[in-house]
């Protein structure tokens, strides 16, 4: 199980492949685990009817990682999963760049799909992140946690 907070852009496919290779090497299992489900969230160029040119994503170091670890632990308690990975961006982000990656490895697709969705939904509501958008006109606004754009 792993949580990574990245202040720079990342390649989701590379991180997923690297984590899976490490997991296979550590377990001694050759091949795949049966099912892998992943979700990649990217920054949109619009929100709440406005054009958005960038975003500053802030977090609470230490507390954020602890809460994301707890989210993975909760998923592990609900589904039979081999491993899980959460990667989340912080800092300045531009439209089209990946913000979040969640991956779950399990023996069965249902557990992988359900646990992956749980990770994404839980981190959106539980982890301490704050979004400040830059609009096309140069103004800034904080995105409220319980709005669709969050």
C-alpha atoms as a PDB file:
ATOM      1  CA  UNK A   1       0.000   0.000   0.000  1.00  0.00           C
ATOM      2  CA  UNK A   2       1.406   3.361  -0.949  1.00  0.00           C
ATOM      3  CA  UNK A   3       0.547   7.044  -0.840  1.00  0.00           C
ATOM      4  CA  UNK A   4       2.552   9.585  -2.825  1.00  0.00           C
ATOM      5  CA  UNK A   5       2.108  13.362  -2.765  1.00  0.00           C
ATOM      6  CA  UNK A   6       3.769  14.878  -5.846  1.00  0.00           C
ATOM      7  CA  UNK A   7       4.653  18.582  -6.209  1.00  0.00           C
ATOM      8  CA  UNK A   8       5.416  18.036  -9.898  1.00  0.00           C
ATOM      9  CA  UNK A   9       3.559  16.538 -12.851  1.00  0.00           C
ATOM     10  CA  UNK A  10       3.601  12.753 -13.017  1.00  0.00           C
ATOM     11  CA  UNK A  11       3.045   9.993 -15.542  1.00  0.00           C
ATOM     12  CA  UNK A  12       0.243   7.780 -14.165  1.00  0.00           C
ATOM     13  CA  UNK A  13       1.116   4.768 -16.338  1.00  0.00           C
ATOM     14  CA  UNK A  14       4.773   4.844 -15.271  1.00  0.00           C
ATOM     15  CA  UNK A  15       3.914   5.109 -11.577  1.00  0.00           C
ATOM     16  CA  UNK A  16       1.368   2.295 -11.810  1.00  0.00           C
ATOM     17  CA  UNK A  17       3.800   0.026 -13.684  1.00  0.00           C
ATOM     18  CA  UNK A  18       6.658   0.788 -11.266  1.00  0.00           C
ATOM     19  CA  UNK A  19       4.493   0.099  -8.213  1.00  0.00           C
ATOM     20  CA  UNK A  20       3.225  -3.151  -9.724  1.00  0.00           C
ATOM     21  CA  UNK A  21       6.792  -4.266 -10.544  1.00  0.00           C
ATOM     22  CA  UNK A  22       7.883  -3.523  -6.961  1.00  0.00           C
ATOM     23  CA  UNK A  23       4.851  -5.358  -5.612  1.00  0.00           C
ATOM     24  CA  UNK A  24       5.558  -8.436  -7.746  1.00  0.00           C
ATOM     25  CA  UNK A  25       9.252  -8.407  -6.800  1.00  0.00           C
ATOM     26  CA  UNK A  26       8.423  -8.130  -3.088  1.00  0.00           C
ATOM     27  CA  UNK A  27       5.808 -10.898  -3.156  1.00  0.00           C
ATOM     28  CA  UNK A  28       7.666 -13.344  -5.380  1.00  0.00           C
ATOM     29  CA  UNK A  29       4.509 -13.807  -7.450  1.00  0.00           C
ATOM     30  CA  UNK A  30       5.142 -13.996 -11.164  1.00  0.00           C
ATOM     31  CA  UNK A  31       2.509 -12.400 -13.360  1.00  0.00           C
ATOM     32  CA  UNK A  32      -0.634 -10.517 -12.476  1.00  0.00           C
ATOM     33  CA  UNK A  33      -2.923 -10.693  -9.480  1.00  0.00           C
ATOM     34  CA  UNK A  34      -6.180 -11.193 -11.409  1.00  0.00           C
ATOM     35  CA  UNK A  35      -7.616  -7.691 -11.630  1.00  0.00           C
ATOM     36  CA  UNK A  36      -6.293  -4.162 -11.672  1.00  0.00           C
ATOM     37  CA  UNK A  37      -8.586  -1.136 -11.589  1.00  0.00           C
ATOM     38  CA  UNK A  38      -7.311   2.404 -11.888  1.00  0.00           C
ATOM     39  CA  UNK A  39      -8.656   5.938 -12.065  1.00  0.00           C
ATOM     40  CA  UNK A  40      -6.827   9.008 -13.365  1.00  0.00           C
ATOM     41  CA  UNK A  41      -8.240  12.449 -12.600  1.00  0.00           C
ATOM     42  CA  UNK A  42      -7.008  15.385 -14.688  1.00  0.00           C
ATOM     43  CA  UNK A  43      -7.527  19.104 -14.322  1.00  0.00           C
ATOM     44  CA  UNK A  44     -10.418  20.498 -16.352  1.00  0.00           C
ATOM     45  CA  UNK A  45     -10.184  23.794 -18.241  1.00  0.00           C
ATOM     46  CA  UNK A  46     -13.616  24.803 -16.920  1.00  0.00           C
ATOM     47  CA  UNK A  47     -15.545  24.833 -13.664  1.00  0.00           C
ATOM     48  CA  UNK A  48     -18.853  26.332 -12.574  1.00  0.00           C
ATOM     49  CA  UNK A  49     -19.376  27.795 -16.069  1.00  0.00           C
ATOM     50  CA  UNK A  50     -16.015  29.618 -16.163  1.00  0.00           C
ATOM     51  CA  UNK A  51     -12.799  29.028 -18.108  1.00  0.00           C
ATOM     52  CA  UNK A  52     -10.017  27.970 -15.735  1.00  0.00           C
ATOM     53  CA  UNK A  53      -6.358  28.449 -16.688  1.00  0.00           C
ATOM     54  CA  UNK A  54      -4.692  26.941 -13.641  1.00  0.00           C
ATOM     55  CA  UNK A  55      -5.043  25.791 -10.086  1.00  0.00           C
ATOM     56  CA  UNK A  56      -3.013  25.825  -6.889  1.00  0.00           C
ATOM     57  CA  UNK A  57      -3.628  22.687  -4.857  1.00  0.00           C
ATOM     58  CA  UNK A  58      -2.544  22.863  -1.222  1.00  0.00           C
ATOM     59  CA  UNK A  59      -2.391  20.148   1.416  1.00  0.00           C
ATOM     60  CA  UNK A  60      -1.511  19.674   5.061  1.00  0.00           C
ATOM     61  CA  UNK A  61       1.785  17.706   5.028  1.00  0.00           C
ATOM     62  CA  UNK A  62       1.740  14.702   7.303  1.00  0.00           C
ATOM     63  CA  UNK A  63      -1.978  14.900   7.976  1.00  0.00           C
ATOM     64  CA  UNK A  64      -2.867  14.393   4.303  1.00  0.00           C
ATOM     65  CA  UNK A  65      -0.717  11.284   3.966  1.00  0.00           C
ATOM     66  CA  UNK A  66      -2.065   9.891   7.239  1.00  0.00           C
ATOM     67  CA  UNK A  67      -5.669  10.313   6.059  1.00  0.00           C
ATOM     68  CA  UNK A  68      -4.922   8.740   2.665  1.00  0.00           C
ATOM     69  CA  UNK A  69      -3.288   5.779   4.437  1.00  0.00           C
ATOM     70  CA  UNK A  70      -6.482   5.450   6.512  1.00  0.00           C
ATOM     71  CA  UNK A  71      -8.582   5.488   3.323  1.00  0.00           C
ATOM     72  CA  UNK A  72      -6.521   2.608   1.924  1.00  0.00           C
ATOM     73  CA  UNK A  73      -6.840   0.748   5.232  1.00  0.00           C
ATOM     74  CA  UNK A  74     -10.627   1.199   5.137  1.00  0.00           C
ATOM     75  CA  UNK A  75     -10.721  -0.192   1.589  1.00  0.00           C
ATOM     76  CA  UNK A  76      -8.619  -3.161   2.648  1.00  0.00           C
ATOM     77  CA  UNK A  77     -11.102  -3.869   5.476  1.00  0.00           C
ATOM     78  CA  UNK A  78     -14.058  -3.852   3.064  1.00  0.00           C
ATOM     79  CA  UNK A  79     -12.633  -5.738   0.079  1.00  0.00           C
ATOM     80  CA  UNK A  80     -10.042  -8.425  -0.519  1.00  0.00           C
ATOM     81  CA  UNK A  81      -7.331  -6.450  -2.237  1.00  0.00           C
ATOM     82  CA  UNK A  82      -3.665  -7.271  -2.738  1.00  0.00           C
ATOM     83  CA  UNK A  83      -2.451  -3.705  -2.869  1.00  0.00           C
ATOM     84  CA  UNK A  84      -3.471  -0.105  -3.504  1.00  0.00           C
ATOM     85  CA  UNK A  85      -1.782   3.083  -4.651  1.00  0.00           C
ATOM     86  CA  UNK A  86      -2.882   6.706  -4.307  1.00  0.00           C
ATOM     87  CA  UNK A  87      -0.872   9.463  -6.008  1.00  0.00           C
ATOM     88  CA  UNK A  88      -2.007  13.077  -5.621  1.00  0.00           C
ATOM     89  CA  UNK A  89      -0.619  16.318  -7.030  1.00  0.00           C
ATOM     90  CA  UNK A  90      -0.078  19.494  -5.074  1.00  0.00           C
ATOM     91  CA  UNK A  91       1.243  22.873  -6.192  1.00  0.00           C
ATOM     92  CA  UNK A  92       0.574  24.651  -9.478  1.00  0.00           C
ATOM     93  CA  UNK A  93      -1.431  22.557 -11.944  1.00  0.00           C
ATOM     94  CA  UNK A  94      -2.444  23.320 -15.527  1.00  0.00           C
ATOM     95  CA  UNK A  95      -5.473  21.984 -17.437  1.00  0.00           C
ATOM     96  CA  UNK A  96      -4.909  18.494 -18.788  1.00  0.00           C
ATOM     97  CA  UNK A  97      -2.326  17.543 -16.169  1.00  0.00           C
ATOM     98  CA  UNK A  98      -3.031  14.540 -13.926  1.00  0.00           C
ATOM     99  CA  UNK A  99      -4.113  15.441 -10.416  1.00  0.00           C
ATOM    100  CA  UNK A 100      -4.853  12.040  -8.910  1.00  0.00           C
ATOM    101  CA  UNK A 101      -4.211   8.355  -9.569  1.00  0.00           C
ATOM    102  CA  UNK A 102      -5.874   5.546  -7.641  1.00  0.00           C
ATOM    103  CA  UNK A 103      -5.034   1.913  -8.386  1.00  0.00           C
ATOM    104  CA  UNK A 104      -6.209  -1.304  -6.766  1.00  0.00           C
ATOM    105  CA  UNK A 105      -4.936  -4.828  -7.367  1.00  0.00           C
ATOM    106  CA  UNK A 106      -7.192  -7.738  -6.419  1.00  0.00           C
ATOM    107  CA  UNK A 107      -7.920 -11.310  -7.400  1.00  0.00           C
ATOM    108  CA  UNK A 108     -11.367 -10.336  -8.694  1.00  0.00           C
ATOM    109  CA  UNK A 109     -12.673  -7.436 -10.792  1.00  0.00           C
ATOM    110  CA  UNK A 110     -15.615  -6.562  -8.530  1.00  0.00           C
ATOM    111  CA  UNK A 111     -13.342  -5.938  -5.540  1.00  0.00           C
ATOM    112  CA  UNK A 112     -10.871  -4.008  -7.694  1.00  0.00           C
ATOM    113  CA  UNK A 113     -13.571  -1.762  -9.230  1.00  0.00           C
ATOM    114  CA  UNK A 114     -15.412  -1.133  -5.975  1.00  0.00           C
ATOM    115  CA  UNK A 115     -12.295  -0.484  -3.913  1.00  0.00           C
ATOM    116  CA  UNK A 116     -10.849   1.851  -6.567  1.00  0.00           C
ATOM    117  CA  UNK A 117     -14.049   3.907  -6.647  1.00  0.00           C
ATOM    118  CA  UNK A 118     -14.110   3.952  -2.836  1.00  0.00           C
ATOM    119  CA  UNK A 119     -10.536   5.282  -2.718  1.00  0.00           C
ATOM    120  CA  UNK A 120     -11.390   8.132  -5.064  1.00  0.00           C
ATOM    121  CA  UNK A 121     -14.665   9.092  -3.376  1.00  0.00           C
ATOM    122  CA  UNK A 122     -13.207   8.835   0.143  1.00  0.00           C
ATOM    123  CA  UNK A 123     -10.109  10.896  -0.611  1.00  0.00           C
ATOM    124  CA  UNK A 124     -12.269  13.658  -2.120  1.00  0.00           C
ATOM    125  CA  UNK A 125     -14.284  13.965   1.079  1.00  0.00           C
ATOM    126  CA  UNK A 126     -11.711  13.102   3.755  1.00  0.00           C
ATOM    127  CA  UNK A 127      -8.211  14.197   2.767  1.00  0.00           C
ATOM    128  CA  UNK A 128      -7.167  17.773   3.593  1.00  0.00           C
ATOM    129  CA  UNK A 129      -6.630  19.390   0.185  1.00  0.00           C
ATOM    130  CA  UNK A 130      -7.580  22.935  -0.838  1.00  0.00           C
ATOM    131  CA  UNK A 131      -8.080  24.138  -4.427  1.00  0.00           C
ATOM    132  CA  UNK A 132      -7.607  27.717  -5.601  1.00  0.00           C
ATOM    133  CA  UNK A 133      -8.483  28.251  -9.263  1.00  0.00           C
ATOM    134  CA  UNK A 134      -7.129  30.904 -11.608  1.00  0.00           C
ATOM    135  CA  UNK A 135      -9.804  32.048 -14.029  1.00  0.00           C
ATOM    136  CA  UNK A 136      -9.297  33.229 -17.612  1.00  0.00           C
ATOM    137  CA  UNK A 137      -9.794  36.863 -16.526  1.00  0.00           C
ATOM    138  CA  UNK A 138      -6.883  36.507 -14.031  1.00  0.00           C
ATOM    139  CA  UNK A 139      -9.028  36.399 -10.897  1.00  0.00           C
ATOM    140  CA  UNK A 140      -8.732  33.642  -8.279  1.00  0.00           C
ATOM    141  CA  UNK A 141     -11.285  31.728  -6.243  1.00  0.00           C
ATOM    142  CA  UNK A 142     -11.260  28.936  -3.694  1.00  0.00           C
ATOM    143  CA  UNK A 143     -13.298  25.875  -4.667  1.00  0.00           C
ATOM    144  CA  UNK A 144     -15.741  24.791  -1.970  1.00  0.00           C
ATOM    145  CA  UNK A 145     -15.360  21.144  -0.928  1.00  0.00           C
ATOM    146  CA  UNK A 146     -19.006  20.201  -1.430  1.00  0.00           C
ATOM    147  CA  UNK A 147     -19.398  21.593  -4.975  1.00  0.00           C
ATOM    148  CA  UNK A 148     -19.300  19.459  -8.143  1.00  0.00           C
ATOM    149  CA  UNK A 149     -16.003  21.104  -9.153  1.00  0.00           C
ATOM    150  CA  UNK A 150     -14.221  19.805  -6.101  1.00  0.00           C
END
